[in-house]
């Protein structure tokens, strides 16, 4: 597994786990980044048919496959 930060541009991956805790985890989950959600990485992240800008530090807490 790798983190969302390591995914090359143009790839589509599936979220396996959000490793953050507390308010950070709540914010990530509230944005729709939950287990089993497919994500396409472009300049932004496409999730649930909308574009999402995500900090690299936050993307590092999301495990994908």
N, C-alpha and C. Protein backbone atom coordinates (compact mmCIF):
# COMPACT_ATOMS: atom_id res chain seq x y z
N UNK A 1 0.84 -1.19 0.00
CA UNK A 1 0.00 0.00 0.00
C UNK A 1 0.88 1.25 0.00
N UNK A 2 0.30 2.34 -0.49
CA UNK A 2 1.01 3.61 -0.49
C UNK A 2 0.06 4.70 -0.01
N UNK A 3 0.60 5.88 0.20
CA UNK A 3 -0.25 6.99 0.64
C UNK A 3 -0.76 7.75 -0.58
N UNK A 4 -1.79 8.51 -0.39
CA UNK A 4 -2.36 9.31 -1.47
C UNK A 4 -1.33 10.32 -2.00
N UNK A 5 -0.43 10.74 -1.16
CA UNK A 5 0.62 11.68 -1.56
C UNK A 5 1.55 11.06 -2.60
N UNK A 6 1.75 9.76 -2.55
CA UNK A 6 2.69 9.07 -3.45
C UNK A 6 2.09 8.64 -4.78
N UNK A 7 0.81 8.81 -4.97
CA UNK A 7 0.13 8.36 -6.18
C UNK A 7 0.50 9.28 -7.35
N UNK A 8 0.91 8.70 -8.48
CA UNK A 8 1.25 9.53 -9.64
C UNK A 8 0.01 10.19 -10.25
N UNK A 9 0.21 11.35 -10.85
CA UNK A 9 -0.88 12.09 -11.48
C UNK A 9 -1.45 11.26 -12.63
N UNK A 10 -2.77 11.22 -12.71
CA UNK A 10 -3.45 10.46 -13.74
C UNK A 10 -3.92 9.09 -13.29
N UNK A 11 -3.56 8.70 -12.08
CA UNK A 11 -3.93 7.38 -11.56
C UNK A 11 -5.24 7.43 -10.79
N UNK A 12 -5.93 6.29 -10.78
CA UNK A 12 -7.13 6.14 -9.97
C UNK A 12 -6.85 5.05 -8.94
N UNK A 13 -7.12 5.35 -7.69
CA UNK A 13 -6.86 4.42 -6.59
C UNK A 13 -8.10 4.34 -5.70
N UNK A 14 -8.08 3.38 -4.78
CA UNK A 14 -9.17 3.22 -3.82
C UNK A 14 -8.63 3.45 -2.42
N UNK A 15 -9.36 4.21 -1.62
CA UNK A 15 -8.95 4.48 -0.25
C UNK A 15 -9.13 3.23 0.59
N UNK A 16 -8.09 2.84 1.31
CA UNK A 16 -8.14 1.68 2.19
C UNK A 16 -8.25 2.05 3.65
N UNK A 17 -7.62 3.17 4.06
CA UNK A 17 -7.66 3.55 5.47
C UNK A 17 -7.25 5.01 5.63
N UNK A 18 -7.91 5.70 6.56
CA UNK A 18 -7.52 7.05 6.95
C UNK A 18 -6.78 6.90 8.27
N UNK A 19 -5.48 7.21 8.27
CA UNK A 19 -4.63 6.98 9.45
C UNK A 19 -4.59 8.15 10.42
N UNK A 20 -5.22 9.23 10.10
CA UNK A 20 -5.22 10.40 10.98
C UNK A 20 -6.11 10.15 12.19
N UNK A 21 -5.98 11.01 13.19
CA UNK A 21 -6.82 10.92 14.38
C UNK A 21 -7.40 12.30 14.71
N UNK A 22 -8.39 12.30 15.55
CA UNK A 22 -8.96 13.55 16.07
C UNK A 22 -9.59 14.41 15.00
N UNK A 23 -9.42 15.73 15.12
CA UNK A 23 -10.06 16.68 14.20
C UNK A 23 -9.60 16.51 12.74
N UNK A 24 -8.36 16.10 12.53
CA UNK A 24 -7.87 15.90 11.17
C UNK A 24 -8.62 14.76 10.49
N UNK A 25 -8.82 13.66 11.19
CA UNK A 25 -9.56 12.53 10.62
C UNK A 25 -10.99 12.96 10.32
N UNK A 26 -11.59 13.68 11.22
CA UNK A 26 -12.98 14.13 11.03
C UNK A 26 -13.10 15.01 9.79
N UNK A 27 -12.12 15.90 9.58
CA UNK A 27 -12.14 16.80 8.42
C UNK A 27 -11.98 16.01 7.13
N UNK A 28 -11.07 15.04 7.12
CA UNK A 28 -10.85 14.22 5.93
C UNK A 28 -12.11 13.42 5.58
N UNK A 29 -12.71 12.80 6.58
CA UNK A 29 -13.92 12.01 6.37
C UNK A 29 -15.08 12.90 5.93
N UNK A 30 -15.19 14.09 6.50
CA UNK A 30 -16.25 15.03 6.11
C UNK A 30 -16.13 15.47 4.65
N UNK A 31 -14.92 15.43 4.11
CA UNK A 31 -14.71 15.79 2.70
C UNK A 31 -15.11 14.64 1.77
N UNK A 32 -15.47 13.50 2.32
CA UNK A 32 -15.91 12.37 1.50
C UNK A 32 -14.85 11.35 1.24
N UNK A 33 -13.69 11.50 1.86
CA UNK A 33 -12.59 10.55 1.66
C UNK A 33 -12.72 9.43 2.69
N UNK A 34 -13.53 8.43 2.36
CA UNK A 34 -13.79 7.32 3.27
C UNK A 34 -13.32 6.02 2.65
N UNK A 35 -13.20 4.98 3.46
CA UNK A 35 -12.75 3.67 3.03
C UNK A 35 -13.60 3.16 1.86
N UNK A 36 -12.92 2.66 0.82
CA UNK A 36 -13.61 2.10 -0.33
C UNK A 36 -13.95 3.10 -1.42
N UNK A 37 -13.67 4.37 -1.21
CA UNK A 37 -14.00 5.40 -2.19
C UNK A 37 -12.91 5.47 -3.27
N UNK A 38 -13.30 5.38 -4.54
CA UNK A 38 -12.30 5.56 -5.61
C UNK A 38 -11.93 7.03 -5.75
N UNK A 39 -10.64 7.28 -6.00
CA UNK A 39 -10.12 8.63 -6.09
C UNK A 39 -9.22 8.73 -7.33
N UNK A 40 -9.42 9.76 -8.14
CA UNK A 40 -8.56 10.02 -9.29
C UNK A 40 -7.68 11.22 -8.96
N UNK A 41 -6.39 11.06 -9.17
CA UNK A 41 -5.44 12.13 -8.87
C UNK A 41 -5.13 12.89 -10.16
N UNK A 42 -5.42 14.17 -10.15
CA UNK A 42 -5.06 15.08 -11.24
C UNK A 42 -4.28 16.21 -10.57
N UNK A 43 -4.51 17.43 -11.03
CA UNK A 43 -3.92 18.55 -10.30
C UNK A 43 -4.57 18.62 -8.93
N UNK A 44 -5.87 18.36 -8.90
CA UNK A 44 -6.61 18.17 -7.66
C UNK A 44 -6.98 16.70 -7.57
N UNK A 45 -7.70 16.36 -6.53
CA UNK A 45 -8.17 14.99 -6.35
C UNK A 45 -9.65 14.97 -6.72
N UNK A 46 -10.04 14.03 -7.58
CA UNK A 46 -11.46 13.90 -7.94
C UNK A 46 -12.05 12.77 -7.10
N UNK A 47 -13.04 13.12 -6.30
CA UNK A 47 -13.70 12.15 -5.43
C UNK A 47 -15.19 12.43 -5.43
N UNK A 48 -15.99 11.39 -5.62
CA UNK A 48 -17.45 11.52 -5.64
C UNK A 48 -17.92 12.63 -6.58
N UNK A 49 -17.32 12.68 -7.77
CA UNK A 49 -17.65 13.61 -8.87
C UNK A 49 -17.46 15.09 -8.52
N UNK A 50 -16.52 15.40 -7.65
CA UNK A 50 -16.14 16.80 -7.45
C UNK A 50 -14.64 16.89 -7.25
N UNK A 51 -14.10 18.08 -7.54
CA UNK A 51 -12.67 18.33 -7.41
C UNK A 51 -12.36 18.80 -5.99
N UNK A 52 -11.30 18.26 -5.42
CA UNK A 52 -10.94 18.56 -4.04
C UNK A 52 -9.46 18.88 -3.97
N UNK A 53 -9.12 20.04 -3.44
CA UNK A 53 -7.72 20.38 -3.19
C UNK A 53 -7.37 19.86 -1.81
N UNK A 54 -6.25 19.19 -1.73
CA UNK A 54 -5.86 18.52 -0.49
C UNK A 54 -4.41 18.84 -0.18
N UNK A 55 -4.11 19.15 1.06
CA UNK A 55 -2.73 19.40 1.47
C UNK A 55 -1.92 18.11 1.37
N UNK A 56 -0.64 18.24 1.04
CA UNK A 56 0.23 17.05 0.97
C UNK A 56 0.33 16.38 2.33
N UNK A 57 0.35 17.17 3.39
CA UNK A 57 0.43 16.62 4.75
C UNK A 57 -0.82 15.79 5.08
N UNK A 58 -1.98 16.22 4.57
CA UNK A 58 -3.21 15.46 4.79
C UNK A 58 -3.23 14.20 3.92
N UNK A 59 -2.77 14.33 2.68
CA UNK A 59 -2.74 13.18 1.77
C UNK A 59 -1.81 12.08 2.27
N UNK A 60 -0.83 12.45 3.06
CA UNK A 60 0.11 11.48 3.61
C UNK A 60 -0.56 10.58 4.65
N UNK A 61 -1.70 10.98 5.19
CA UNK A 61 -2.42 10.20 6.21
C UNK A 61 -3.49 9.29 5.61
N UNK A 62 -3.54 9.18 4.29
CA UNK A 62 -4.57 8.37 3.62
C UNK A 62 -3.88 7.23 2.88
N UNK A 63 -4.14 6.00 3.30
CA UNK A 63 -3.58 4.82 2.63
C UNK A 63 -4.49 4.42 1.48
N UNK A 64 -3.88 4.12 0.33
CA UNK A 64 -4.64 3.74 -0.86
C UNK A 64 -4.05 2.49 -1.49
N UNK A 65 -4.83 1.91 -2.38
CA UNK A 65 -4.37 0.71 -3.08
C UNK A 65 -4.75 0.82 -4.55
